[in-house]
Amino acid sequence: MARPRKQPSEKRSHHVGVYFSDEDVLRVREDAAQVRLKPSQYLHSLALKKHLRPVPSIPELNVEAWLKLAPLASNLNQMIVSLNERQDVQINQDLLEQLRDELQSFRQQLLGDKG
């Protein structure tokens, strides 16, 4: 399915060329990366005075922990699905769901989410 066409007033049809020194282009790229935008998107937003906030960096240790917890979170979720399908399993379902929710919240916090 294609994106809806923009209104003529919203269509970007003009190009503005800008030259930067090596040092300046590095800074633009770094600043754009902090807000997770391409340099052209970043400069467009700055030119139109949109307020951009840096995206907080995630410590590498947190990313590693988040990735290592992924299989545990997946297995836990599979156990809960199994419990929901078959009621003869001898596991406290409320406790499992609480553990899953806590694990999910913890993993999000590792990525900087306040959740």
PDB file of N, CA and C in Angstrom:
ATOM      1  N   MET A   1       0.849  -1.172   0.000  1.00  0.00           N
ATOM      2  CA  MET A   1       0.000   0.000   0.000  1.00  0.00           C
ATOM      3  C   MET A   1       0.896   1.237   0.000  1.00  0.00           C
ATOM      4  N   ALA A   2       0.630   2.129  -0.913  1.00  0.00           N
ATOM      5  CA  ALA A   2       1.433   3.341  -1.058  1.00  0.00           C
ATOM      6  C   ALA A   2       1.027   4.387  -0.027  1.00  0.00           C
ATOM      7  N   ARG A   3       1.963   5.268   0.262  1.00  0.00           N
ATOM      8  CA  ARG A   3       1.660   6.392   1.155  1.00  0.00           C
ATOM      9  C   ARG A   3       0.699   7.331   0.470  1.00  0.00           C
ATOM     10  N   PRO A   4      -0.142   8.019   1.250  1.00  0.00           N
ATOM     11  CA  PRO A   4      -1.031   9.009   0.638  1.00  0.00           C
ATOM     12  C   PRO A   4      -0.221  10.178   0.082  1.00  0.00           C
ATOM     13  N   ARG A   5      -0.686  10.730  -1.007  1.00  0.00           N
ATOM     14  CA  ARG A   5      -0.002  11.880  -1.616  1.00  0.00           C
ATOM     15  C   ARG A   5      -0.115  13.099  -0.706  1.00  0.00           C
ATOM     16  N   LYS A   6       0.958  13.891  -0.695  1.00  0.00           N
ATOM     17  CA  LYS A   6       0.945  15.129   0.083  1.00  0.00           C
ATOM     18  C   LYS A   6       0.154  16.186  -0.668  1.00  0.00           C
ATOM     19  N   GLN A   7      -0.391  17.111   0.096  1.00  0.00           N
ATOM     20  CA  GLN A   7      -1.059  18.263  -0.494  1.00  0.00           C
ATOM     21  C   GLN A   7       0.012  19.104  -1.199  1.00  0.00           C
ATOM     22  N   PRO A   8      -0.346  19.797  -2.264  1.00  0.00           N
ATOM     23  CA  PRO A   8       0.653  20.624  -2.970  1.00  0.00           C
ATOM     24  C   PRO A   8       1.384  21.596  -2.043  1.00  0.00           C
ATOM     25  N   SER A   9       0.677  22.120  -1.037  1.00  0.00           N
ATOM     26  CA  SER A   9       1.322  23.070  -0.120  1.00  0.00           C
ATOM     27  C   SER A   9       2.328  22.389   0.801  1.00  0.00           C
ATOM     28  N   GLU A  10       2.233  21.069   0.967  1.00  0.00           N
ATOM     29  CA  GLU A  10       3.146  20.326   1.847  1.00  0.00           C
ATOM     30  C   GLU A  10       4.317  19.711   1.089  1.00  0.00           C
ATOM     31  N   LYS A  11       4.214  19.641  -0.221  1.00  0.00           N
ATOM     32  CA  LYS A  11       5.234  18.986  -1.021  1.00  0.00           C
ATOM     33  C   LYS A  11       6.534  19.788  -1.015  1.00  0.00           C
ATOM     34  N   ARG A  12       7.630  19.103  -0.809  1.00  0.00           N
ATOM     35  CA  ARG A  12       8.940  19.750  -0.806  1.00  0.00           C
ATOM     36  C   ARG A  12       9.514  19.669  -2.212  1.00  0.00           C
ATOM     37  N   SER A  13       9.573  20.794  -2.872  1.00  0.00           N
ATOM     38  CA  SER A  13      10.022  20.782  -4.262  1.00  0.00           C
ATOM     39  C   SER A  13      11.250  21.667  -4.501  1.00  0.00           C
ATOM     40  N   HIS A  14      11.765  22.312  -3.463  1.00  0.00           N
ATOM     41  CA  HIS A  14      12.921  23.191  -3.616  1.00  0.00           C
ATOM     42  C   HIS A  14      14.120  22.601  -2.886  1.00  0.00           C
ATOM     43  N   HIS A  15      15.264  22.689  -3.519  1.00  0.00           N
ATOM     44  CA  HIS A  15      16.502  22.153  -2.952  1.00  0.00           C
ATOM     45  C   HIS A  15      17.442  23.301  -2.635  1.00  0.00           C
ATOM     46  N   VAL A  16      18.063  23.255  -1.487  1.00  0.00           N
ATOM     47  CA  VAL A  16      19.030  24.268  -1.091  1.00  0.00           C
ATOM     48  C   VAL A  16      20.359  23.555  -0.852  1.00  0.00           C
ATOM     49  N   GLY A  17      21.366  23.903  -1.603  1.00  0.00           N
ATOM     50  CA  GLY A  17      22.692  23.302  -1.438  1.00  0.00           C
ATOM     51  C   GLY A  17      23.509  24.081  -0.425  1.00  0.00           C
ATOM     52  N   VAL A  18      24.182  23.362   0.455  1.00  0.00           N
ATOM     53  CA  VAL A  18      24.988  23.993   1.496  1.00  0.00           C
ATOM     54  C   VAL A  18      26.330  23.273   1.559  1.00  0.00           C
ATOM     55  N   TYR A  19      27.405  24.023   1.674  1.00  0.00           N
ATOM     56  CA  TYR A  19      28.731  23.435   1.791  1.00  0.00           C
ATOM     57  C   TYR A  19      29.227  23.577   3.226  1.00  0.00           C
ATOM     58  N   PHE A  20      29.908  22.540   3.713  1.00  0.00           N
ATOM     59  CA  PHE A  20      30.464  22.536   5.060  1.00  0.00           C
ATOM     60  C   PHE A  20      31.936  22.170   5.002  1.00  0.00           C
ATOM     61  N   SER A  21      32.678  22.656   5.991  1.00  0.00           N
ATOM     62  CA  SER A  21      34.060  22.215   6.143  1.00  0.00           C
ATOM     63  C   SER A  21      34.042  20.785   6.692  1.00  0.00           C
ATOM     64  N   ASP A  22      35.168  20.106   6.641  1.00  0.00           N
ATOM     65  CA  ASP A  22      35.247  18.736   7.182  1.00  0.00           C
ATOM     66  C   ASP A  22      34.821  18.707   8.647  1.00  0.00           C
ATOM     67  N   GLU A  23      35.301  19.685   9.408  1.00  0.00           N
ATOM     68  CA  GLU A  23      34.984  19.747  10.834  1.00  0.00           C
ATOM     69  C   GLU A  23      33.494  19.992  11.058  1.00  0.00           C
ATOM     70  N   ASP A  24      32.925  20.903  10.280  1.00  0.00           N
ATOM     71  CA  ASP A  24      31.506  21.222  10.440  1.00  0.00           C
ATOM     72  C   ASP A  24      30.600  20.051  10.062  1.00  0.00           C
ATOM     73  N   VAL A  25      30.934  19.367   8.989  1.00  0.00           N
ATOM     74  CA  VAL A  25      30.079  18.254   8.559  1.00  0.00           C
ATOM     75  C   VAL A  25      30.135  17.120   9.582  1.00  0.00           C
ATOM     76  N   LEU A  26      31.268  16.924  10.214  1.00  0.00           N
ATOM     77  CA  LEU A  26      31.357  15.911  11.271  1.00  0.00           C
ATOM     78  C   LEU A  26      30.449  16.275  12.437  1.00  0.00           C
ATOM     79  N   ARG A  27      30.456  17.557  12.782  1.00  0.00           N
ATOM     80  CA  ARG A  27      29.599  18.005  13.890  1.00  0.00           C
ATOM     81  C   ARG A  27      28.116  17.852  13.538  1.00  0.00           C
ATOM     82  N   VAL A  28      27.746  18.207  12.319  1.00  0.00           N
ATOM     83  CA  VAL A  28      26.350  18.051  11.891  1.00  0.00           C
ATOM     84  C   VAL A  28      25.947  16.589  11.970  1.00  0.00           C
ATOM     85  N   ARG A  29      26.800  15.702  11.487  1.00  0.00           N
ATOM     86  CA  ARG A  29      26.489  14.265  11.528  1.00  0.00           C
ATOM     87  C   ARG A  29      26.354  13.758  12.961  1.00  0.00           C
ATOM     88  N   GLU A  30      27.254  14.184  13.827  1.00  0.00           N
ATOM     89  CA  GLU A  30      27.191  13.767  15.234  1.00  0.00           C
ATOM     90  C   GLU A  30      25.924  14.287  15.911  1.00  0.00           C
ATOM     91  N   ASP A  31      25.620  15.563  15.689  1.00  0.00           N
ATOM     92  CA  ASP A  31      24.419  16.154  16.290  1.00  0.00           C
ATOM     93  C   ASP A  31      23.155  15.479  15.765  1.00  0.00           C
ATOM     94  N   ALA A  32      23.126  15.173  14.474  1.00  0.00           N
ATOM     95  CA  ALA A  32      21.970  14.495  13.881  1.00  0.00           C
ATOM     96  C   ALA A  32      21.817  13.098  14.474  1.00  0.00           C
ATOM     97  N   ALA A  33      22.920  12.413  14.680  1.00  0.00           N
ATOM     98  CA  ALA A  33      22.869  11.067  15.239  1.00  0.00           C
ATOM     99  C   ALA A  33      22.325  11.078  16.668  1.00  0.00           C
ATOM    100  N   GLN A  34      22.613  12.132  17.417  1.00  0.00           N
ATOM    101  CA  GLN A  34      22.123  12.219  18.794  1.00  0.00           C
ATOM    102  C   GLN A  34      20.604  12.290  18.872  1.00  0.00           C
ATOM    103  N   VAL A  35      19.972  12.818  17.843  1.00  0.00           N
ATOM    104  CA  VAL A  35      18.512  12.891  17.822  1.00  0.00           C
ATOM    105  C   VAL A  35      17.939  11.882  16.831  1.00  0.00           C
ATOM    106  N   ARG A  36      18.799  10.974  16.388  1.00  0.00           N
ATOM    107  CA  ARG A  36      18.433   9.872  15.487  1.00  0.00           C
ATOM    108  C   ARG A  36      17.742  10.359  14.214  1.00  0.00           C
ATOM    109  N   LEU A  37      18.381  11.327  13.574  1.00  0.00           N
ATOM    110  CA  LEU A  37      17.903  11.839  12.293  1.00  0.00           C
ATOM    111  C   LEU A  37      19.043  11.777  11.284  1.00  0.00           C
ATOM    112  N   LYS A  38      18.680  11.750  10.021  1.00  0.00           N
ATOM    113  CA  LYS A  38      19.679  11.910   8.967  1.00  0.00           C
ATOM    114  C   LYS A  38      20.119  13.367   8.996  1.00  0.00           C
ATOM    115  N   PRO A  39      21.358  13.654   8.555  1.00  0.00           N
ATOM    116  CA  PRO A  39      21.809  15.049   8.565  1.00  0.00           C
ATOM    117  C   PRO A  39      20.863  15.992   7.829  1.00  0.00           C
ATOM    118  N   SER A  40      20.305  15.561   6.688  1.00  0.00           N
ATOM    119  CA  SER A  40      19.392  16.441   5.952  1.00  0.00           C
ATOM    120  C   SER A  40      18.115  16.711   6.750  1.00  0.00           C
ATOM    121  N   GLN A  41      17.592  15.686   7.432  1.00  0.00           N
ATOM    122  CA  GLN A  41      16.402  15.882   8.262  1.00  0.00           C
ATOM    123  C   GLN A  41      16.716  16.807   9.436  1.00  0.00           C
ATOM    124  N   TYR A  42      17.885  16.613  10.004  1.00  0.00           N
ATOM    125  CA  TYR A  42      18.322  17.432  11.139  1.00  0.00           C
ATOM    126  C   TYR A  42      18.417  18.906  10.736  1.00  0.00           C
ATOM    127  N   LEU A  43      19.075  19.182   9.615  1.00  0.00           N
ATOM    128  CA  LEU A  43      19.231  20.565   9.166  1.00  0.00           C
ATOM    129  C   LEU A  43      17.887  21.182   8.794  1.00  0.00           C
ATOM    130  N   HIS A  44      17.009  20.388   8.200  1.00  0.00           N
ATOM    131  CA  HIS A  44      15.667  20.882   7.855  1.00  0.00           C
ATOM    132  C   HIS A  44      14.929  21.302   9.125  1.00  0.00           C
ATOM    133  N   SER A  45      14.994  20.464  10.155  1.00  0.00           N
ATOM    134  CA  SER A  45      14.323  20.779  11.421  1.00  0.00           C
ATOM    135  C   SER A  45      14.910  22.025  12.070  1.00  0.00           C
ATOM    136  N   LEU A  46      16.233  22.145  12.037  1.00  0.00           N
ATOM    137  CA  LEU A  46      16.869  23.332  12.611  1.00  0.00           C
ATOM    138  C   LEU A  46      16.471  24.590  11.854  1.00  0.00           C
ATOM    139  N   ALA A  47      16.428  24.497  10.537  1.00  0.00           N
ATOM    140  CA  ALA A  47      16.094  25.666   9.730  1.00  0.00           C
ATOM    141  C   ALA A  47      14.677  26.150  10.018  1.00  0.00           C
ATOM    142  N   LEU A  48      13.794  25.219  10.358  1.00  0.00           N
ATOM    143  CA  LEU A  48      12.407  25.585  10.647  1.00  0.00           C
ATOM    144  C   LEU A  48      12.167  25.764  12.140  1.00  0.00           C
ATOM    145  N   LYS A  49      13.255  25.803  12.896  1.00  0.00           N
ATOM    146  CA  LYS A  49      13.229  26.059  14.340  1.00  0.00           C
ATOM    147  C   LYS A  49      12.354  25.070  15.108  1.00  0.00           C
ATOM    148  N   LYS A  50      12.426  23.826  14.706  1.00  0.00           N
ATOM    149  CA  LYS A  50      11.733  22.794  15.482  1.00  0.00           C
ATOM    150  C   LYS A  50      12.625  22.454  16.664  1.00  0.00           C
ATOM    151  N   HIS A  51      12.011  22.184  17.789  1.00  0.00           N
ATOM    152  CA  HIS A  51      12.781  21.872  18.990  1.00  0.00           C
ATOM    153  C   HIS A  51      13.178  20.399  18.965  1.00  0.00           C
ATOM    154  N   LEU A  52      14.472  20.160  18.969  1.00  0.00           N
ATOM    155  CA  LEU A  52      14.999  18.802  18.944  1.00  0.00           C
ATOM    156  C   LEU A  52      15.686  18.518  20.264  1.00  0.00           C
ATOM    157  N   ARG A  53      15.357  17.375  20.839  1.00  0.00           N
ATOM    158  CA  ARG A  53      16.012  16.977  22.083  1.00  0.00           C
ATOM    159  C   ARG A  53      16.888  15.759  21.800  1.00  0.00           C
ATOM    160  N   PRO A  54      18.094  15.752  22.347  1.00  0.00           N
ATOM    161  CA  PRO A  54      18.964  14.590  22.134  1.00  0.00           C
ATOM    162  C   PRO A  54      18.329  13.327  22.711  1.00  0.00           C
ATOM    163  N   VAL A  55      18.511  12.237  22.006  1.00  0.00           N
ATOM    164  CA  VAL A  55      18.065  10.947  22.501  1.00  0.00           C
ATOM    165  C   VAL A  55      19.177  10.453  23.423  1.00  0.00           C
ATOM    166  N   PRO A  56      18.836  10.097  24.669  1.00  0.00           N
ATOM    167  CA  PRO A  56      19.897   9.678  25.582  1.00  0.00           C
ATOM    168  C   PRO A  56      20.611   8.433  25.062  1.00  0.00           C
ATOM    169  N   SER A  57      21.934   8.431  25.253  1.00  0.00           N
ATOM    170  CA  SER A  57      22.694   7.257  24.823  1.00  0.00           C
ATOM    171  C   SER A  57      22.460   6.124  25.818  1.00  0.00           C
ATOM    172  N   ILE A  58      22.505   4.917  25.306  1.00  0.00           N
ATOM    173  CA  ILE A  58      22.284   3.736  26.135  1.00  0.00           C
ATOM    174  C   ILE A  58      23.643   3.105  26.410  1.00  0.00           C
ATOM    175  N   PRO A  59      24.003   2.942  27.683  1.00  0.00           N
ATOM    176  CA  PRO A  59      25.291   2.312  27.992  1.00  0.00           C
ATOM    177  C   PRO A  59      25.381   0.920  27.372  1.00  0.00           C
ATOM    178  N   GLU A  60      26.542   0.581  26.848  1.00  0.00           N
ATOM    179  CA  GLU A  60      26.743  -0.704  26.185  1.00  0.00           C
ATOM    180  C   GLU A  60      26.397  -1.874  27.099  1.00  0.00           C
ATOM    181  N   LEU A  61      26.711  -1.746  28.384  1.00  0.00           N
ATOM    182  CA  LEU A  61      26.398  -2.803  29.336  1.00  0.00           C
ATOM    183  C   LEU A  61      24.886  -3.046  29.395  1.00  0.00           C
ATOM    184  N   ASN A  62      24.085  -1.978  29.337  1.00  0.00           N
ATOM    185  CA  ASN A  62      22.631  -2.120  29.352  1.00  0.00           C
ATOM    186  C   ASN A  62      22.134  -2.828  28.099  1.00  0.00           C
ATOM    187  N   VAL A  63      22.710  -2.484  26.949  1.00  0.00           N
ATOM    188  CA  VAL A  63      22.308  -3.131  25.702  1.00  0.00           C
ATOM    189  C   VAL A  63      22.632  -4.621  25.772  1.00  0.00           C
ATOM    190  N   GLU A  64      23.817  -4.952  26.284  1.00  0.00           N
ATOM    191  CA  GLU A  64      24.202  -6.363  26.417  1.00  0.00           C
ATOM    192  C   GLU A  64      23.253  -7.101  27.350  1.00  0.00           C
ATOM    193  N   ALA A  65      22.921  -6.498  28.492  1.00  0.00           N
ATOM    194  CA  ALA A  65      22.004  -7.133  29.441  1.00  0.00           C
ATOM    195  C   ALA A  65      20.619  -7.303  28.810  1.00  0.00           C
ATOM    196  N   TRP A  66      20.170  -6.292  28.083  1.00  0.00           N
ATOM    197  CA  TRP A  66      18.856  -6.346  27.426  1.00  0.00           C
ATOM    198  C   TRP A  66      18.825  -7.506  26.442  1.00  0.00           C
ATOM    199  N   LEU A  67      19.898  -7.664  25.660  1.00  0.00           N
ATOM    200  CA  LEU A  67      19.960  -8.747  24.677  1.00  0.00           C
ATOM    201  C   LEU A  67      20.041 -10.119  25.346  1.00  0.00           C
ATOM    202  N   LYS A  68      20.788 -10.220  26.434  1.00  0.00           N
ATOM    203  CA  LYS A  68      20.911 -11.509  27.134  1.00  0.00           C
ATOM    204  C   LYS A  68      19.603 -11.918  27.795  1.00  0.00           C
ATOM    205  N   LEU A  69      18.783 -10.945  28.192  1.00  0.00           N
ATOM    206  CA  LEU A  69      17.497 -11.244  28.822  1.00  0.00           C
ATOM    207  C   LEU A  69      16.414 -11.613  27.811  1.00  0.00           C
ATOM    208  N   ALA A  70      16.663 -11.352  26.521  1.00  0.00           N
ATOM    209  CA  ALA A  70      15.647 -11.607  25.498  1.00  0.00           C
ATOM    210  C   ALA A  70      15.188 -13.066  25.462  1.00  0.00           C
ATOM    211  N   PRO A  71      16.103 -14.057  25.473  1.00  0.00           N
ATOM    212  CA  PRO A  71      15.629 -15.451  25.444  1.00  0.00           C
ATOM    213  C   PRO A  71      14.809 -15.811  26.687  1.00  0.00           C
ATOM    214  N   LEU A  72      15.215 -15.302  27.849  1.00  0.00           N
ATOM    215  CA  LEU A  72      14.465 -15.565  29.077  1.00  0.00           C
ATOM    216  C   LEU A  72      13.059 -14.979  28.972  1.00  0.00           C
ATOM    217  N   ALA A  73      12.973 -13.763  28.468  1.00  0.00           N
ATOM    218  CA  ALA A  73      11.671 -13.125  28.309  1.00  0.00           C
ATOM    219  C   ALA A  73      10.801 -13.906  27.327  1.00  0.00           C
ATOM    220  N   SER A  74      11.404 -14.390  26.264  1.00  0.00           N
ATOM    221  CA  SER A  74      10.669 -15.167  25.266  1.00  0.00           C
ATOM    222  C   SER A  74      10.177 -16.487  25.850  1.00  0.00           C
ATOM    223  N   ASN A  75      11.050 -17.184  26.573  1.00  0.00           N
ATOM    224  CA  ASN A  75      10.661 -18.459  27.199  1.00  0.00           C
ATOM    225  C   ASN A  75       9.551 -18.257  28.215  1.00  0.00           C
ATOM    226  N   LEU A  76       9.648 -17.204  28.972  1.00  0.00           N
ATOM    227  CA  LEU A  76       8.631 -16.904  29.975  1.00  0.00           C
ATOM    228  C   LEU A  76       7.284 -16.646  29.303  1.00  0.00           C
ATOM    229  N   ASN A  77       7.325 -15.905  28.223  1.00  0.00           N
ATOM    230  CA  ASN A  77       6.092 -15.620  27.493  1.00  0.00           C
ATOM    231  C   ASN A  77       5.493 -16.906  26.920  1.00  0.00           C
ATOM    232  N   GLN A  78       6.332 -17.791  26.408  1.00  0.00           N
ATOM    233  CA  GLN A  78       5.848 -19.068  25.875  1.00  0.00           C
ATOM    234  C   GLN A  78       5.209 -19.915  26.975  1.00  0.00           C
ATOM    235  N   MET A  79       5.771 -19.880  28.173  1.00  0.00           N
ATOM    236  CA  MET A  79       5.194 -20.632  29.296  1.00  0.00           C
ATOM    237  C   MET A  79       3.808 -20.089  29.639  1.00  0.00           C
ATOM    238  N   ILE A  80       3.649 -18.779  29.607  1.00  0.00           N
ATOM    239  CA  ILE A  80       2.360 -18.175  29.930  1.00  0.00           C
ATOM    240  C   ILE A  80       1.326 -18.542  28.864  1.00  0.00           C
ATOM    241  N   VAL A  81       1.730 -18.521  27.604  1.00  0.00           N
ATOM    242  CA  VAL A  81       0.821 -18.926  26.528  1.00  0.00           C
ATOM    243  C   VAL A  81       0.402 -20.377  26.731  1.00  0.00           C
ATOM    244  N   SER A  82       1.376 -21.215  27.074  1.00  0.00           N
ATOM    245  CA  SER A  82       1.082 -22.634  27.320  1.00  0.00           C
ATOM    246  C   SER A  82       0.108 -22.794  28.480  1.00  0.00           C
ATOM    247  N   LEU A  83       0.298 -22.010  29.518  1.00  0.00           N
ATOM    248  CA  LEU A  83      -0.615 -22.054  30.662  1.00  0.00           C
ATOM    249  C   LEU A  83      -2.030 -21.662  30.264  1.00  0.00           C
ATOM    250  N   ASN A  84      -2.122 -20.655  29.415  1.00  0.00           N
ATOM    251  CA  ASN A  84      -3.437 -20.192  28.978  1.00  0.00           C
ATOM    252  C   ASN A  84      -4.148 -21.236  28.120  1.00  0.00           C
ATOM    253  N   GLU A  85      -3.391 -22.067  27.418  1.00  0.00           N
ATOM    254  CA  GLU A  85      -3.984 -23.086  26.555  1.00  0.00           C
ATOM    255  C   GLU A  85      -4.320 -24.364  27.326  1.00  0.00           C
ATOM    256  N   ARG A  86      -3.476 -24.734  28.286  1.00  0.00           N
ATOM    257  CA  ARG A  86      -3.703 -25.956  29.061  1.00  0.00           C
ATOM    258  C   ARG A  86      -3.707 -25.599  30.534  1.00  0.00           C
ATOM    259  N   GLN A  87      -4.777 -25.877  31.202  1.00  0.00           N
ATOM    260  CA  GLN A  87      -4.912 -25.494  32.608  1.00  0.00           C
ATOM    261  C   GLN A  87      -4.356 -26.541  33.575  1.00  0.00           C
ATOM    262  N   ASP A  88      -3.816 -27.672  33.080  1.00  0.00           N
ATOM    263  CA  ASP A  88      -3.338 -28.725  33.974  1.00  0.00           C
ATOM    264  C   ASP A  88      -1.891 -28.548  34.435  1.00  0.00           C
ATOM    265  N   VAL A  89      -1.241 -27.459  34.038  1.00  0.00           N
ATOM    266  CA  VAL A  89       0.145 -27.207  34.432  1.00  0.00           C
ATOM    267  C   VAL A  89       0.162 -26.686  35.870  1.00  0.00           C
ATOM    268  N   GLN A  90       1.121 -27.165  36.680  1.00  0.00           N
ATOM    269  CA  GLN A  90       1.197 -26.807  38.095  1.00  0.00           C
ATOM    270  C   GLN A  90       2.158 -25.636  38.331  1.00  0.00           C
ATOM    271  N   ILE A  91       1.860 -24.491  37.743  1.00  0.00           N
ATOM    272  CA  ILE A  91       2.665 -23.281  37.919  1.00  0.00           C
ATOM    273  C   ILE A  91       1.710 -22.154  38.279  1.00  0.00           C
ATOM    274  N   ASN A  92       2.108 -21.319  39.212  1.00  0.00           N
ATOM    275  CA  ASN A  92       1.277 -20.183  39.603  1.00  0.00           C
ATOM    276  C   ASN A  92       1.274 -19.161  38.468  1.00  0.00           C
ATOM    277  N   GLN A  93       0.172 -19.085  37.747  1.00  0.00           N
ATOM    278  CA  GLN A  93       0.075 -18.229  36.570  1.00  0.00           C
ATOM    279  C   GLN A  93       0.219 -16.749  36.924  1.00  0.00           C
ATOM    280  N   ASP A  94      -0.370 -16.324  38.031  1.00  0.00           N
ATOM    281  CA  ASP A  94      -0.254 -14.914  38.428  1.00  0.00           C
ATOM    282  C   ASP A  94       1.196 -14.529  38.681  1.00  0.00           C
ATOM    283  N   LEU A  95       1.920 -15.441  39.341  1.00  0.00           N
ATOM    284  CA  LEU A  95       3.333 -15.192  39.630  1.00  0.00           C
ATOM    285  C   LEU A  95       4.135 -15.116  38.330  1.00  0.00           C
ATOM    286  N   LEU A  96       3.870 -16.003  37.390  1.00  0.00           N
ATOM    287  CA  LEU A  96       4.569 -15.983  36.107  1.00  0.00           C
ATOM    288  C   LEU A  96       4.283 -14.690  35.348  1.00  0.00           C
ATOM    289  N   GLU A  97       3.034 -14.268  35.331  1.00  0.00           N
ATOM    290  CA  GLU A  97       2.683 -13.039  34.620  1.00  0.00           C
ATOM    291  C   GLU A  97       3.335 -11.823  35.270  1.00  0.00           C
ATOM    292  N   GLN A  98       3.387 -11.828  36.598  1.00  0.00           N
ATOM    293  CA  GLN A  98       4.034 -10.725  37.313  1.00  0.00           C
ATOM    294  C   GLN A  98       5.532 -10.713  36.987  1.00  0.00           C
ATOM    295  N   LEU A  99       6.151 -11.885  36.960  1.00  0.00           N
ATOM    296  CA  LEU A  99       7.571 -11.992  36.633  1.00  0.00           C
ATOM    297  C   LEU A  99       7.821 -11.510  35.205  1.00  0.00           C
ATOM    298  N   ARG A 100       6.956 -11.900  34.269  1.00  0.00           N
ATOM    299  CA  ARG A 100       7.093 -11.454  32.878  1.00  0.00           C
ATOM    300  C   ARG A 100       6.996  -9.938  32.796  1.00  0.00           C
ATOM    301  N   ASP A 101       6.013  -9.360  33.477  1.00  0.00           N
ATOM    302  CA  ASP A 101       5.827  -7.912  33.446  1.00  0.00           C
ATOM    303  C   ASP A 101       7.023  -7.178  34.049  1.00  0.00           C
ATOM    304  N   GLU A 102       7.545  -7.708  35.154  1.00  0.00           N
ATOM    305  CA  GLU A 102       8.713  -7.087  35.792  1.00  0.00           C
ATOM    306  C   GLU A 102       9.936  -7.175  34.888  1.00  0.00           C
ATOM    307  N   LEU A 103      10.112  -8.321  34.244  1.00  0.00           N
ATOM    308  CA  LEU A 103      11.243  -8.507  33.338  1.00  0.00           C
ATOM    309  C   LEU A 103      11.138  -7.554  32.152  1.00  0.00           C
ATOM    310  N   GLN A 104       9.945  -7.421  31.608  1.00  0.00           N
ATOM    311  CA  GLN A 104       9.728  -6.514  30.483  1.00  0.00           C
ATOM    312  C   GLN A 104      10.012  -5.069  30.903  1.00  0.00           C
ATOM    313  N   SER A 105       9.544  -4.681  32.068  1.00  0.00           N
ATOM    314  CA  SER A 105       9.786  -3.330  32.574  1.00  0.00           C
ATOM    315  C   SER A 105      11.284  -3.088  32.789  1.00  0.00           C
ATOM    316  N   PHE A 106      11.959  -4.071  33.366  1.00  0.00           N
ATOM    317  CA  PHE A 106      13.398  -3.960  33.615  1.00  0.00           C
ATOM    318  C   PHE A 106      14.167  -3.810  32.303  1.00  0.00           C
ATOM    319  N   ARG A 107      13.796  -4.603  31.288  1.00  0.00           N
ATOM    320  CA  ARG A 107      14.474  -4.521  30.006  1.00  0.00           C
ATOM    321  C   ARG A 107      14.270  -3.139  29.387  1.00  0.00           C
ATOM    322  N   GLN A 108      13.086  -2.554  29.498  1.00  0.00           N
ATOM    323  CA  GLN A 108      12.825  -1.225  28.962  1.00  0.00           C
ATOM    324  C   GLN A 108      13.658  -0.174  29.711  1.00  0.00           C
ATOM    325  N   GLN A 109      13.792  -0.344  31.027  1.00  0.00           N
ATOM    326  CA  GLN A 109      14.587   0.589  31.818  1.00  0.00           C
ATOM    327  C   GLN A 109      16.051   0.542  31.406  1.00  0.00           C
ATOM    328  N   LEU A 110      16.541  -0.638  31.008  1.00  0.00           N
ATOM    329  CA  LEU A 110      17.917  -0.753  30.537  1.00  0.00           C
ATOM    330  C   LEU A 110      18.147   0.105  29.302  1.00  0.00           C
ATOM    331  N   LEU A 111      17.093   0.328  28.528  1.00  0.00           N
ATOM    332  CA  LEU A 111      17.203   1.135  27.306  1.00  0.00           C
ATOM    333  C   LEU A 111      16.880   2.605  27.563  1.00  0.00           C
ATOM    334  N   GLY A 112      16.667   2.971  28.816  1.00  0.00           N
ATOM    335  CA  GLY A 112      16.436   4.370  29.160  1.00  0.00           C
ATOM    336  C   GLY A 112      14.980   4.754  29.263  1.00  0.00           C
ATOM    337  N   ASP A 113      14.076   3.792  29.099  1.00  0.00           N
ATOM    338  CA  ASP A 113      12.642   4.065  29.227  1.00  0.00           C
ATOM    339  C   ASP A 113      12.308   4.203  30.715  1.00  0.00           C
ATOM    340  N   LYS A 114      11.436   5.136  31.041  1.00  0.00           N
ATOM    341  CA  LYS A 114      11.069   5.334  32.445  1.00  0.00           C
ATOM    342  C   LYS A 114      10.054   4.297  32.920  1.00  0.00           C
ATOM    343  N   GLY A 115       9.380   3.608  31.956  1.00  0.00           N
ATOM    344  CA  GLY A 115       8.331   2.609  32.207  1.00  0.00           C
ATOM    345  C   GLY A 115       8.497   1.899  33.457  1.00  0.00           C
TER     346      GLY A 115
END
